[in-house]
């Protein structure tokens, strides 16, 4: 057999070296995969628990709410998902105004929310959209502020109120401590409500149901 040139031997050594490097890379990758187990979080961690609604859960407000309108308590599921659902009746629904404090120092603005309770024995449907909501702040017989005076883009939202459940809007409506009217929505100089311990009452209605009581607050 004729002796092969040095160039042939160099090419063979290069091919052999490349093969060895590739083999080592495959072995290293296999070892890393066994040690690092990148899929462990997907297979070994177990199923991720999902939350479910309970009667004590506090749902978020309607995405349609704006700072000048009432936020919607959001029972679930929607009435569209329960076609046989009946409308809530006045005797079963308890509506209440909720405030974030009982008294407010000067400059602190009251935050107002809505609480809904189904006292009935069956689930029922109710419109909790901003179209059906109204907060009213009064001092005696003098109505100082109504949330619908400057409401923007009101909308309806039919939702299910589960039997025995109480839901409260998470995103409150802010009373700016001024006297409202439809003619003064853009007026930055509306009359300000007196403080110094003055007493005001917050009433609310939603879905055609009025709160049986009011929430009292004091302004300083």
N, C-alpha and C. Protein backbone atom coordinates (compact mmCIF):
# COMPACT_ATOMS: atom_id res chain seq x y z
N UNK A 1 0.86 -1.20 0.00
CA UNK A 1 0.00 0.00 0.00
C UNK A 1 0.89 1.23 0.00
N UNK A 2 0.62 2.17 -0.88
CA UNK A 2 1.45 3.39 -0.91
C UNK A 2 1.22 4.22 0.35
N UNK A 3 2.32 4.82 0.78
CA UNK A 3 2.24 5.65 1.99
C UNK A 3 1.43 6.90 1.70
N UNK A 4 0.46 7.19 2.61
CA UNK A 4 -0.39 8.38 2.42
C UNK A 4 0.34 9.64 2.87
N UNK A 5 -0.06 10.71 2.29
CA UNK A 5 0.61 11.99 2.57
C UNK A 5 0.29 12.49 3.98
N UNK A 6 1.11 13.42 4.43
CA UNK A 6 0.90 14.01 5.77
C UNK A 6 -0.42 14.76 5.84
N UNK A 7 -0.86 15.33 4.73
CA UNK A 7 -2.12 16.06 4.72
C UNK A 7 -3.29 15.15 5.02
N UNK A 8 -3.24 13.92 4.50
CA UNK A 8 -4.31 12.97 4.76
C UNK A 8 -4.38 12.64 6.24
N UNK A 9 -3.21 12.43 6.86
CA UNK A 9 -3.17 12.12 8.30
C UNK A 9 -3.72 13.29 9.12
N UNK A 10 -3.40 14.51 8.69
CA UNK A 10 -3.90 15.67 9.44
C UNK A 10 -5.43 15.75 9.38
N UNK A 11 -5.97 15.48 8.16
CA UNK A 11 -7.42 15.52 8.02
C UNK A 11 -8.09 14.45 8.90
N UNK A 12 -7.49 13.25 8.95
CA UNK A 12 -8.04 12.18 9.78
C UNK A 12 -8.02 12.56 11.26
N UNK A 13 -6.90 13.15 11.69
CA UNK A 13 -6.80 13.55 13.10
C UNK A 13 -7.83 14.64 13.43
N UNK A 14 -8.04 15.55 12.44
CA UNK A 14 -9.02 16.62 12.66
C UNK A 14 -10.44 16.06 12.77
N UNK A 15 -10.76 15.08 11.87
CA UNK A 15 -12.08 14.45 11.93
C UNK A 15 -12.26 13.73 13.25
N UNK A 16 -11.25 13.01 13.68
CA UNK A 16 -11.33 12.28 14.96
C UNK A 16 -11.52 13.24 16.12
N UNK A 17 -10.80 14.37 16.10
CA UNK A 17 -10.91 15.35 17.18
C UNK A 17 -12.32 15.95 17.25
N UNK A 18 -12.86 16.25 16.06
CA UNK A 18 -14.22 16.81 16.04
C UNK A 18 -15.23 15.82 16.58
N UNK A 19 -15.07 14.53 16.20
CA UNK A 19 -15.98 13.50 16.68
C UNK A 19 -15.91 13.37 18.19
N UNK A 20 -14.70 13.42 18.74
CA UNK A 20 -14.54 13.33 20.19
C UNK A 20 -15.21 14.51 20.89
N UNK A 21 -15.02 15.73 20.33
CA UNK A 21 -15.63 16.92 20.94
C UNK A 21 -17.15 16.82 20.94
N UNK A 22 -17.73 16.36 19.80
CA UNK A 22 -19.17 16.22 19.73
C UNK A 22 -19.68 15.20 20.73
N UNK A 23 -18.94 14.07 20.89
CA UNK A 23 -19.34 13.05 21.85
C UNK A 23 -19.33 13.59 23.27
N UNK A 24 -18.28 14.35 23.59
CA UNK A 24 -18.19 14.94 24.93
C UNK A 24 -19.34 15.92 25.18
N UNK A 25 -19.71 16.69 24.12
CA UNK A 25 -20.80 17.65 24.27
C UNK A 25 -22.12 16.95 24.53
N UNK A 26 -22.36 15.82 23.82
CA UNK A 26 -23.59 15.07 24.05
C UNK A 26 -23.64 14.51 25.45
N UNK A 27 -22.51 13.98 25.92
CA UNK A 27 -22.45 13.43 27.29
C UNK A 27 -22.70 14.53 28.32
N UNK A 28 -22.08 15.69 28.10
CA UNK A 28 -22.24 16.80 29.05
C UNK A 28 -23.70 17.26 29.10
N UNK A 29 -24.36 17.33 27.93
CA UNK A 29 -25.76 17.75 27.89
C UNK A 29 -26.65 16.77 28.62
N UNK A 30 -26.36 15.48 28.47
CA UNK A 30 -27.16 14.47 29.15
C UNK A 30 -27.00 14.56 30.66
N UNK A 31 -25.77 14.78 31.12
CA UNK A 31 -25.51 14.91 32.56
C UNK A 31 -26.22 16.14 33.11
N UNK A 32 -26.15 17.27 32.39
CA UNK A 32 -26.81 18.50 32.87
C UNK A 32 -28.31 18.30 32.98
N UNK A 33 -28.89 17.62 31.98
CA UNK A 33 -30.32 17.40 32.00
C UNK A 33 -30.75 16.58 33.20
N UNK A 34 -29.94 15.60 33.59
CA UNK A 34 -30.28 14.77 34.74
C UNK A 34 -30.16 15.54 36.05
N UNK A 35 -29.19 16.46 36.09
CA UNK A 35 -28.96 17.21 37.34
C UNK A 35 -29.91 18.39 37.44
N UNK A 36 -30.01 19.18 36.37
CA UNK A 36 -30.81 20.40 36.43
C UNK A 36 -32.29 20.13 36.35
N UNK A 37 -32.75 19.13 35.64
CA UNK A 37 -34.15 18.77 35.48
C UNK A 37 -35.01 20.01 35.21
N UNK A 38 -34.80 20.62 34.05
CA UNK A 38 -35.51 21.88 33.76
C UNK A 38 -37.02 21.72 33.70
N UNK A 39 -37.53 20.54 33.57
CA UNK A 39 -38.97 20.34 33.51
C UNK A 39 -39.58 20.04 34.88
N UNK A 40 -38.77 20.03 35.93
CA UNK A 40 -39.25 19.63 37.26
C UNK A 40 -40.39 20.52 37.73
N UNK A 41 -40.31 21.83 37.43
CA UNK A 41 -41.36 22.74 37.90
C UNK A 41 -42.69 22.45 37.23
N UNK A 42 -42.64 21.83 36.05
CA UNK A 42 -43.89 21.56 35.33
C UNK A 42 -44.47 20.20 35.69
N UNK A 43 -43.64 19.25 36.16
CA UNK A 43 -44.13 17.89 36.40
C UNK A 43 -44.13 17.49 37.85
N UNK A 44 -43.25 18.05 38.64
CA UNK A 44 -43.11 17.61 40.03
C UNK A 44 -43.81 18.52 41.02
N UNK A 45 -44.12 19.74 40.60
CA UNK A 45 -44.67 20.69 41.56
C UNK A 45 -46.12 20.38 41.90
N UNK A 46 -46.77 19.54 41.14
CA UNK A 46 -48.17 19.26 41.39
C UNK A 46 -49.07 20.29 40.74
N UNK A 47 -50.36 20.06 40.72
CA UNK A 47 -51.27 21.00 40.06
C UNK A 47 -51.33 22.32 40.81
N UNK A 48 -51.44 23.39 40.07
CA UNK A 48 -51.55 24.71 40.68
C UNK A 48 -52.99 24.92 41.11
N UNK A 49 -53.22 25.22 42.41
CA UNK A 49 -54.61 25.39 42.87
C UNK A 49 -55.24 26.60 42.23
N UNK A 50 -56.52 26.51 41.95
CA UNK A 50 -57.26 27.65 41.40
C UNK A 50 -58.23 28.15 42.44
N UNK A 51 -58.43 29.48 42.47
CA UNK A 51 -59.33 30.05 43.46
C UNK A 51 -60.76 29.88 43.00
N UNK A 52 -61.67 29.82 43.94
CA UNK A 52 -63.09 29.74 43.63
C UNK A 52 -63.83 30.74 44.48
N UNK A 53 -64.94 31.23 43.97
CA UNK A 53 -65.71 32.24 44.69
C UNK A 53 -66.38 31.64 45.91
N UNK A 54 -66.38 32.39 47.02
CA UNK A 54 -67.09 32.00 48.23
C UNK A 54 -67.96 33.16 48.65
N UNK A 55 -68.81 32.91 49.60
CA UNK A 55 -69.73 33.97 50.03
C UNK A 55 -69.00 35.10 50.72
N UNK A 56 -67.77 34.86 51.22
CA UNK A 56 -67.04 35.90 51.91
C UNK A 56 -66.08 36.63 51.00
N UNK A 57 -65.96 36.20 49.75
CA UNK A 57 -65.02 36.83 48.84
C UNK A 57 -65.50 38.22 48.47
N UNK A 58 -64.54 39.14 48.26
CA UNK A 58 -64.87 40.50 47.85
C UNK A 58 -64.47 40.67 46.41
N UNK A 59 -65.41 40.76 45.48
CA UNK A 59 -65.08 40.85 44.06
C UNK A 59 -64.61 42.23 43.68
N UNK A 60 -64.02 42.32 42.50
CA UNK A 60 -63.54 43.60 42.02
C UNK A 60 -64.68 44.39 41.40
N UNK A 61 -64.39 45.67 41.20
CA UNK A 61 -65.43 46.54 40.66
C UNK A 61 -65.54 46.36 39.17
N UNK A 62 -66.64 46.91 38.64
CA UNK A 62 -66.88 46.83 37.21
C UNK A 62 -65.80 47.56 36.45
N UNK A 63 -65.27 46.97 35.33
CA UNK A 63 -64.25 47.67 34.56
C UNK A 63 -64.77 48.92 33.89
N UNK A 64 -66.10 49.09 33.84
CA UNK A 64 -66.67 50.28 33.20
C UNK A 64 -66.71 51.47 34.13
N UNK A 65 -66.42 51.27 35.44
CA UNK A 65 -66.56 52.35 36.39
C UNK A 65 -65.52 53.43 36.15
N UNK A 66 -65.90 54.67 36.35
CA UNK A 66 -64.99 55.80 36.28
C UNK A 66 -65.03 56.50 37.62
N UNK A 67 -64.06 57.41 37.91
CA UNK A 67 -64.04 58.07 39.21
C UNK A 67 -65.34 58.79 39.56
N UNK A 68 -66.17 59.12 38.58
CA UNK A 68 -67.38 59.87 38.88
C UNK A 68 -68.63 59.00 38.91
N UNK A 69 -68.44 57.70 38.82
CA UNK A 69 -69.62 56.84 38.84
C UNK A 69 -69.42 55.72 39.83
N UNK A 70 -70.50 55.04 40.17
CA UNK A 70 -70.44 53.99 41.16
C UNK A 70 -69.79 52.74 40.60
N UNK A 71 -68.87 52.08 41.34
CA UNK A 71 -68.28 50.83 40.89
C UNK A 71 -69.27 49.70 41.08
N UNK A 72 -69.19 48.68 40.25
CA UNK A 72 -70.16 47.60 40.32
C UNK A 72 -69.63 46.44 41.12
N UNK A 73 -70.32 46.02 42.20
CA UNK A 73 -69.99 44.75 42.80
C UNK A 73 -70.14 43.68 41.73
N UNK A 74 -69.33 42.64 41.79
CA UNK A 74 -69.26 41.72 40.66
C UNK A 74 -69.45 40.28 41.09
N UNK A 75 -70.71 39.86 41.37
CA UNK A 75 -70.96 38.45 41.65
C UNK A 75 -70.67 37.63 40.41
N UNK A 76 -70.52 36.31 40.59
CA UNK A 76 -70.27 35.47 39.43
C UNK A 76 -71.04 34.17 39.55
N UNK A 77 -71.31 33.43 38.46
CA UNK A 77 -71.04 33.82 37.08
C UNK A 77 -72.09 34.78 36.57
N UNK A 78 -72.00 35.16 35.32
CA UNK A 78 -72.98 36.09 34.77
C UNK A 78 -74.30 35.39 34.51
N UNK A 79 -75.34 36.20 34.40
CA UNK A 79 -76.67 35.62 34.19
C UNK A 79 -76.76 34.90 32.85
N UNK A 80 -75.96 35.37 31.87
CA UNK A 80 -75.98 34.72 30.56
C UNK A 80 -75.54 33.26 30.66
N UNK A 81 -74.68 32.96 31.64
CA UNK A 81 -74.20 31.60 31.82
C UNK A 81 -75.21 30.74 32.57
N UNK A 82 -76.24 31.37 33.16
CA UNK A 82 -77.28 30.66 33.89
C UNK A 82 -78.63 31.11 33.36
N UNK A 83 -79.02 30.61 32.18
CA UNK A 83 -80.23 31.12 31.51
C UNK A 83 -81.51 30.95 32.32
N UNK A 84 -81.55 30.00 33.27
CA UNK A 84 -82.76 29.78 34.04
C UNK A 84 -82.85 30.64 35.29
N UNK A 85 -81.91 31.54 35.48
CA UNK A 85 -81.85 32.34 36.69
C UNK A 85 -82.98 33.36 36.73
N UNK A 86 -83.57 33.55 37.92
CA UNK A 86 -84.66 34.52 38.08
C UNK A 86 -84.09 35.83 38.61
N UNK A 87 -84.82 36.90 38.38
CA UNK A 87 -84.39 38.21 38.85
C UNK A 87 -84.49 38.29 40.37
N UNK A 88 -83.57 39.03 40.97
CA UNK A 88 -83.61 39.22 42.42
C UNK A 88 -84.86 40.00 42.80
N UNK A 89 -85.40 39.70 43.98
CA UNK A 89 -86.58 40.39 44.49
C UNK A 89 -86.20 41.27 45.67
N UNK A 90 -86.96 42.33 45.85
CA UNK A 90 -86.65 43.31 46.89
C UNK A 90 -86.55 42.68 48.27
N UNK A 91 -87.39 41.69 48.54
CA UNK A 91 -87.37 41.06 49.86
C UNK A 91 -86.14 40.23 50.14
N UNK A 92 -85.39 39.90 49.08
CA UNK A 92 -84.22 39.05 49.25
C UNK A 92 -82.90 39.82 49.24
N UNK A 93 -82.89 41.00 48.65
CA UNK A 93 -81.64 41.74 48.46
C UNK A 93 -81.49 42.84 49.51
N UNK A 94 -80.35 42.81 50.17
CA UNK A 94 -80.03 43.84 51.17
C UNK A 94 -78.90 44.71 50.62
N UNK A 95 -79.16 45.99 50.49
CA UNK A 95 -78.18 46.94 49.96
C UNK A 95 -77.74 47.88 51.07
N UNK A 96 -76.44 48.16 51.12
CA UNK A 96 -75.92 49.05 52.17
C UNK A 96 -74.78 49.88 51.62
N UNK A 97 -74.70 51.12 52.09
CA UNK A 97 -73.57 51.99 51.76
C UNK A 97 -72.41 51.66 52.70
N UNK A 98 -71.21 51.63 52.15
CA UNK A 98 -70.02 51.33 52.93
C UNK A 98 -69.03 52.48 52.78
N UNK A 99 -68.49 52.97 53.89
CA UNK A 99 -67.50 54.04 53.86
C UNK A 99 -66.19 53.54 54.45
N UNK A 100 -65.09 54.14 54.05
CA UNK A 100 -63.79 53.67 54.53
C UNK A 100 -63.43 54.22 55.90
N UNK A 101 -64.26 55.11 56.44
CA UNK A 101 -64.04 55.66 57.78
C UNK A 101 -65.35 56.26 58.28
N UNK A 102 -65.38 56.56 59.58
CA UNK A 102 -66.56 57.20 60.15
C UNK A 102 -66.38 58.71 60.24
N UNK A 103 -65.14 59.17 60.31
CA UNK A 103 -64.87 60.60 60.35
C UNK A 103 -63.64 60.89 59.50
N UNK A 104 -63.57 62.12 58.97
CA UNK A 104 -62.52 62.48 58.03
C UNK A 104 -61.89 63.82 58.42
N UNK A 105 -60.58 63.82 58.63
CA UNK A 105 -59.90 65.09 58.90
C UNK A 105 -59.99 66.01 57.69
N UNK A 106 -59.69 67.28 57.90
CA UNK A 106 -59.72 68.25 56.81
C UNK A 106 -58.83 67.78 55.66
N UNK A 107 -59.35 67.85 54.46
CA UNK A 107 -58.58 67.48 53.28
C UNK A 107 -58.66 66.02 52.89
N UNK A 108 -59.19 65.17 53.75
CA UNK A 108 -59.31 63.74 53.44
C UNK A 108 -60.67 63.48 52.80
N UNK A 109 -60.68 62.80 51.66
CA UNK A 109 -61.92 62.59 50.90
C UNK A 109 -62.55 61.24 51.22
N UNK A 110 -63.85 61.21 51.51
CA UNK A 110 -64.54 59.95 51.79
C UNK A 110 -64.56 59.02 50.58
N UNK A 111 -64.34 57.74 50.85
CA UNK A 111 -64.38 56.70 49.83
C UNK A 111 -65.64 55.86 50.05
N UNK A 112 -66.50 55.80 49.06
CA UNK A 112 -67.82 55.18 49.20
C UNK A 112 -67.92 53.91 48.36
N UNK A 113 -68.48 52.85 48.95
CA UNK A 113 -68.64 51.58 48.26
C UNK A 113 -70.05 51.04 48.47
N UNK A 114 -70.36 49.93 47.79
CA UNK A 114 -71.68 49.30 47.87
C UNK A 114 -71.53 47.87 48.36
N UNK A 115 -72.40 47.49 49.29
CA UNK A 115 -72.47 46.10 49.76
C UNK A 115 -73.82 45.52 49.35
N UNK A 116 -73.78 44.29 48.78
CA UNK A 116 -74.99 43.59 48.36
C UNK A 116 -75.04 42.23 49.03
N UNK A 117 -76.18 41.90 49.62
CA UNK A 117 -76.36 40.59 50.25
C UNK A 117 -77.64 39.95 49.74
N UNK A 118 -77.53 38.68 49.38
CA UNK A 118 -78.71 37.92 48.97
C UNK A 118 -79.20 37.12 50.17
N UNK A 119 -80.29 37.56 50.77
CA UNK A 119 -80.86 36.89 51.94
C UNK A 119 -81.78 35.74 51.54
N UNK A 120 -81.99 35.57 50.26
CA UNK A 120 -82.88 34.51 49.79
C UNK A 120 -82.20 33.15 49.79
N UNK A 121 -82.95 32.14 49.43
CA UNK A 121 -82.45 30.76 49.44
C UNK A 121 -81.98 30.29 48.07
N UNK A 122 -82.13 31.12 47.04
CA UNK A 122 -81.71 30.75 45.69
C UNK A 122 -80.90 31.87 45.06
N UNK A 123 -80.05 31.52 44.10
CA UNK A 123 -79.30 32.52 43.35
C UNK A 123 -80.27 33.37 42.54
N UNK A 124 -79.89 34.61 42.28
CA UNK A 124 -80.75 35.48 41.48
C UNK A 124 -79.90 36.43 40.65
N UNK A 125 -80.52 37.01 39.63
CA UNK A 125 -79.82 37.92 38.72
C UNK A 125 -80.15 39.37 39.06
N UNK A 126 -79.14 40.24 38.95
CA UNK A 126 -79.32 41.65 39.27
C UNK A 126 -78.42 42.49 38.37
N UNK A 127 -78.91 43.65 37.97
CA UNK A 127 -78.11 44.56 37.16
C UNK A 127 -77.25 45.40 38.11
N UNK A 128 -75.95 45.13 38.09
CA UNK A 128 -75.03 45.88 38.96
C UNK A 128 -74.22 46.90 38.17
N UNK A 129 -74.65 47.21 36.96
CA UNK A 129 -73.94 48.19 36.15
C UNK A 129 -74.08 49.59 36.69
N UNK A 130 -73.24 50.47 36.21
CA UNK A 130 -73.24 51.85 36.72
C UNK A 130 -74.53 52.58 36.39
N UNK A 131 -75.29 52.10 35.39
CA UNK A 131 -76.57 52.72 35.05
C UNK A 131 -77.54 52.67 36.21
N UNK A 132 -77.47 51.63 37.03
CA UNK A 132 -78.45 51.42 38.09
C UNK A 132 -77.94 51.86 39.46
N UNK A 133 -76.76 52.47 39.53
CA UNK A 133 -76.17 52.81 40.83
C UNK A 133 -76.23 54.31 41.11
N UNK A 134 -76.46 54.62 42.38
CA UNK A 134 -76.43 56.03 42.77
C UNK A 134 -76.09 56.17 44.24
N UNK A 135 -75.08 56.98 44.52
CA UNK A 135 -74.76 57.39 45.89
C UNK A 135 -75.32 58.79 46.10
N UNK A 136 -75.83 59.04 47.30
CA UNK A 136 -76.32 60.36 47.65
C UNK A 136 -75.76 60.74 49.01
N UNK A 137 -75.21 61.94 49.11
CA UNK A 137 -74.69 62.45 50.39
C UNK A 137 -75.57 63.63 50.80
N UNK A 138 -76.13 63.53 51.99
CA UNK A 138 -77.06 64.56 52.47
C UNK A 138 -76.67 65.02 53.87
N UNK A 139 -77.09 66.23 54.17
CA UNK A 139 -76.98 66.76 55.53
C UNK A 139 -78.38 67.20 55.93
N UNK A 140 -79.03 66.39 56.73
CA UNK A 140 -80.44 66.63 57.00
C UNK A 140 -81.24 66.42 55.71
N UNK A 141 -82.05 67.41 55.35
CA UNK A 141 -82.82 67.32 54.11
C UNK A 141 -82.08 67.93 52.92
N UNK A 142 -80.88 68.44 53.16
CA UNK A 142 -80.10 69.11 52.12
C UNK A 142 -79.21 68.09 51.40
N UNK A 143 -79.52 67.83 50.14
CA UNK A 143 -78.72 66.90 49.35
C UNK A 143 -77.48 67.64 48.83
N UNK A 144 -76.30 67.17 49.24
CA UNK A 144 -75.06 67.82 48.86
C UNK A 144 -74.45 67.25 47.58
N UNK A 145 -74.55 65.96 47.42
CA UNK A 145 -73.82 65.34 46.31
C UNK A 145 -74.53 64.08 45.85
N UNK A 146 -74.62 63.89 44.54
CA UNK A 146 -75.19 62.69 43.95
C UNK A 146 -74.23 62.17 42.88
N UNK A 147 -73.89 60.89 42.94
CA UNK A 147 -72.87 60.35 42.05
C UNK A 147 -73.28 60.37 40.58
N UNK A 148 -74.58 60.41 40.30
CA UNK A 148 -75.03 60.39 38.91
C UNK A 148 -75.05 61.77 38.25
N UNK A 149 -74.82 62.82 39.03
CA UNK A 149 -74.85 64.17 38.46
C UNK A 149 -73.81 64.33 37.34
N UNK A 150 -72.64 63.79 37.55
CA UNK A 150 -71.55 63.95 36.57
C UNK A 150 -71.05 62.59 36.08
N UNK A 151 -71.92 61.62 36.07
CA UNK A 151 -71.56 60.27 35.65
C UNK A 151 -71.25 60.23 34.15
N UNK A 152 -70.23 59.47 33.78
CA UNK A 152 -69.84 59.34 32.39
C UNK A 152 -69.99 57.90 31.91
N UNK A 153 -70.52 57.72 30.73
CA UNK A 153 -70.62 56.41 30.08
C UNK A 153 -71.24 55.34 30.98
N UNK A 154 -72.44 55.55 31.51
CA UNK A 154 -73.06 54.51 32.34
C UNK A 154 -73.36 53.27 31.51
N UNK A 155 -73.32 52.10 32.15
CA UNK A 155 -73.56 50.85 31.43
C UNK A 155 -74.25 49.85 32.34
N UNK A 156 -74.85 48.83 31.73
CA UNK A 156 -75.51 47.77 32.48
C UNK A 156 -74.60 46.55 32.56
N UNK A 157 -74.77 45.75 33.62
CA UNK A 157 -74.04 44.49 33.76
C UNK A 157 -74.88 43.55 34.60
N UNK A 158 -75.52 42.59 33.95
CA UNK A 158 -76.34 41.61 34.66
C UNK A 158 -75.42 40.55 35.26
N UNK A 159 -75.57 40.30 36.54
CA UNK A 159 -74.71 39.33 37.21
C UNK A 159 -75.52 38.49 38.18
N UNK A 160 -74.91 37.40 38.63
CA UNK A 160 -75.56 36.49 39.57
C UNK A 160 -75.16 36.82 41.00
N UNK A 161 -76.14 36.92 41.87
CA UNK A 161 -75.89 37.10 43.30
C UNK A 161 -76.24 35.78 43.97
N UNK A 162 -75.23 35.07 44.44
CA UNK A 162 -75.44 33.74 45.01
C UNK A 162 -76.23 33.82 46.30
N UNK A 163 -77.02 32.80 46.55
CA UNK A 163 -77.81 32.74 47.79
C UNK A 163 -76.90 32.80 49.00
N UNK A 164 -77.20 33.69 49.93
CA UNK A 164 -76.42 33.82 51.15
C UNK A 164 -75.13 34.58 51.01
N UNK A 165 -74.82 35.04 49.80
CA UNK A 165 -73.54 35.71 49.56
C UNK A 165 -73.63 37.21 49.81
N UNK A 166 -72.51 37.79 50.25
CA UNK A 166 -72.37 39.23 50.38
C UNK A 166 -71.18 39.66 49.53
N UNK A 167 -71.40 40.63 48.66
CA UNK A 167 -70.32 41.14 47.82
C UNK A 167 -70.22 42.64 48.01
N UNK A 168 -68.99 43.15 47.92
CA UNK A 168 -68.73 44.58 48.12
C UNK A 168 -67.83 45.08 47.01
N UNK A 169 -68.14 46.23 46.45
CA UNK A 169 -67.29 46.80 45.40
C UNK A 169 -65.93 47.14 45.97
N UNK A 170 -64.88 46.79 45.23
CA UNK A 170 -63.51 47.02 45.70
C UNK A 170 -63.03 48.44 45.40
N UNK A 171 -63.37 48.95 44.24
CA UNK A 171 -62.90 50.28 43.86
C UNK A 171 -63.96 51.30 44.27
N UNK A 172 -63.67 52.13 45.26
CA UNK A 172 -64.70 53.04 45.77
C UNK A 172 -64.91 54.26 44.88
N UNK A 173 -66.03 54.92 45.13
CA UNK A 173 -66.31 56.22 44.52
C UNK A 173 -65.89 57.29 45.52
N UNK A 174 -65.23 58.31 45.04
CA UNK A 174 -64.72 59.37 45.92
C UNK A 174 -65.66 60.56 45.93
N UNK A 175 -66.04 61.00 47.12
CA UNK A 175 -66.77 62.26 47.24
C UNK A 175 -65.74 63.35 47.49
N UNK A 176 -65.74 64.35 46.63
CA UNK A 176 -64.73 65.41 46.73
C UNK A 176 -65.10 66.50 47.74
N UNK A 177 -66.10 66.24 48.55
CA UNK A 177 -66.53 67.17 49.61
C UNK A 177 -67.05 68.48 49.03
N UNK A 178 -67.68 68.41 47.86
CA UNK A 178 -68.28 69.60 47.26
C UNK A 178 -69.76 69.33 46.98
N UNK A 179 -70.50 70.38 46.65
CA UNK A 179 -71.90 70.24 46.25
C UNK A 179 -71.95 69.98 44.74
N UNK A 180 -72.62 68.89 44.35
CA UNK A 180 -72.65 68.53 42.93
C UNK A 180 -73.94 69.03 42.28
N UNK A 181 -73.85 69.15 40.95
CA UNK A 181 -75.02 69.41 40.11
C UNK A 181 -74.60 69.14 38.68
N UNK A 182 -75.57 68.88 37.82
CA UNK A 182 -75.24 68.57 36.44
C UNK A 182 -74.66 69.77 35.71
N UNK A 183 -74.89 70.97 36.24
CA UNK A 183 -74.40 72.19 35.58
C UNK A 183 -72.98 72.54 35.99
N UNK A 184 -72.44 71.90 37.05
CA UNK A 184 -71.14 72.33 37.58
C UNK A 184 -70.08 71.23 37.53
N UNK A 185 -70.25 70.26 36.64
CA UNK A 185 -69.32 69.13 36.61
C UNK A 185 -67.88 69.56 36.32
N UNK A 186 -67.70 70.57 35.49
CA UNK A 186 -66.36 71.02 35.14
C UNK A 186 -65.90 72.21 35.98
N UNK A 187 -66.70 72.58 36.96
CA UNK A 187 -66.38 73.74 37.79
C UNK A 187 -65.48 73.33 38.94
N UNK A 188 -64.29 73.90 39.00
CA UNK A 188 -63.35 73.58 40.08
C UNK A 188 -63.63 74.38 41.35
N UNK A 189 -64.59 75.25 41.29
CA UNK A 189 -64.90 76.11 42.45
C UNK A 189 -66.29 75.84 43.00
N UNK A 190 -66.71 74.59 42.96
CA UNK A 190 -68.01 74.26 43.53
C UNK A 190 -67.99 74.47 45.05
N UNK A 191 -69.14 74.80 45.65
CA UNK A 191 -69.19 75.02 47.10
C UNK A 191 -68.69 73.80 47.86
N UNK A 192 -67.86 74.03 48.84
CA UNK A 192 -67.30 72.94 49.63
C UNK A 192 -68.16 72.67 50.85
N UNK A 193 -68.29 71.39 51.19
CA UNK A 193 -69.10 71.00 52.35
C UNK A 193 -68.44 71.46 53.64
N UNK A 194 -69.20 72.04 54.55
CA UNK A 194 -68.62 72.48 55.82
C UNK A 194 -68.04 71.30 56.61
N UNK A 195 -66.96 71.57 57.33
CA UNK A 195 -66.35 70.57 58.20
C UNK A 195 -66.63 70.89 59.65
N UNK A 196 -65.60 70.82 60.48
CA UNK A 196 -65.76 71.13 61.90
C UNK A 196 -66.62 70.14 62.64
N UNK A 197 -66.71 68.91 62.15
CA UNK A 197 -67.54 67.90 62.82
C UNK A 197 -68.94 67.81 62.25
N UNK A 198 -69.16 68.43 61.09
CA UNK A 198 -70.49 68.38 60.47
C UNK A 198 -70.85 66.94 60.08
N UNK A 199 -72.12 66.59 60.27
CA UNK A 199 -72.59 65.23 60.03
C UNK A 199 -73.26 65.12 58.66
N UNK A 200 -72.92 64.02 57.95
CA UNK A 200 -73.53 63.74 56.64
C UNK A 200 -73.95 62.28 56.61
N UNK A 201 -74.94 61.99 55.78
CA UNK A 201 -75.42 60.62 55.64
C UNK A 201 -75.29 60.18 54.18
N UNK A 202 -74.78 58.97 53.99
CA UNK A 202 -74.57 58.40 52.66
C UNK A 202 -75.63 57.33 52.43
N UNK A 203 -76.41 57.50 51.38
CA UNK A 203 -77.39 56.48 50.98
C UNK A 203 -77.01 55.94 49.61
N UNK A 204 -77.52 54.76 49.28
CA UNK A 204 -77.14 54.14 48.02
C UNK A 204 -78.30 53.31 47.49
N UNK A 205 -78.34 53.19 46.17
CA UNK A 205 -79.27 52.27 45.52
C UNK A 205 -78.57 51.64 44.33
N UNK A 206 -78.98 50.41 44.00
CA UNK A 206 -78.37 49.69 42.89
C UNK A 206 -79.36 48.64 42.39
N UNK A 207 -79.43 48.46 41.08
CA UNK A 207 -80.30 47.45 40.50
C UNK A 207 -81.76 47.63 40.81
N UNK A 208 -82.18 48.85 41.13
CA UNK A 208 -83.56 49.11 41.48
C UNK A 208 -83.87 48.92 42.95
N UNK A 209 -82.84 48.59 43.76
CA UNK A 209 -83.03 48.36 45.20
C UNK A 209 -82.31 49.45 45.99
N UNK A 210 -83.00 50.03 46.96
CA UNK A 210 -82.44 51.08 47.80
C UNK A 210 -81.97 50.49 49.12
N UNK A 211 -80.91 51.10 49.64
CA UNK A 211 -80.43 50.70 50.96
C UNK A 211 -81.45 51.08 52.01
N UNK A 212 -81.68 50.19 52.97
CA UNK A 212 -82.67 50.45 54.01
C UNK A 212 -82.16 51.46 55.03
N UNK A 213 -80.84 51.58 55.16
CA UNK A 213 -80.25 52.50 56.12
C UNK A 213 -79.19 53.35 55.42
N UNK A 214 -78.70 54.34 56.13
CA UNK A 214 -77.63 55.19 55.60
C UNK A 214 -76.38 55.01 56.46
N UNK A 215 -75.24 55.42 55.90
CA UNK A 215 -73.98 55.41 56.65
C UNK A 215 -73.67 56.84 57.04
N UNK A 216 -73.44 57.08 58.33
CA UNK A 216 -73.15 58.42 58.81
C UNK A 216 -71.64 58.67 58.79
N UNK A 217 -71.24 59.86 58.33
CA UNK A 217 -69.85 60.25 58.38
C UNK A 217 -69.76 61.66 58.93
N UNK A 218 -68.61 61.98 59.51
CA UNK A 218 -68.36 63.31 60.06
C UNK A 218 -67.17 63.93 59.32
N UNK A 219 -67.32 65.18 58.94
CA UNK A 219 -66.24 65.91 58.28
C UNK A 219 -65.63 66.94 59.21
N UNK A 220 -64.32 66.99 59.22
CA UNK A 220 -63.60 67.97 60.03
C UNK A 220 -62.74 68.87 59.15
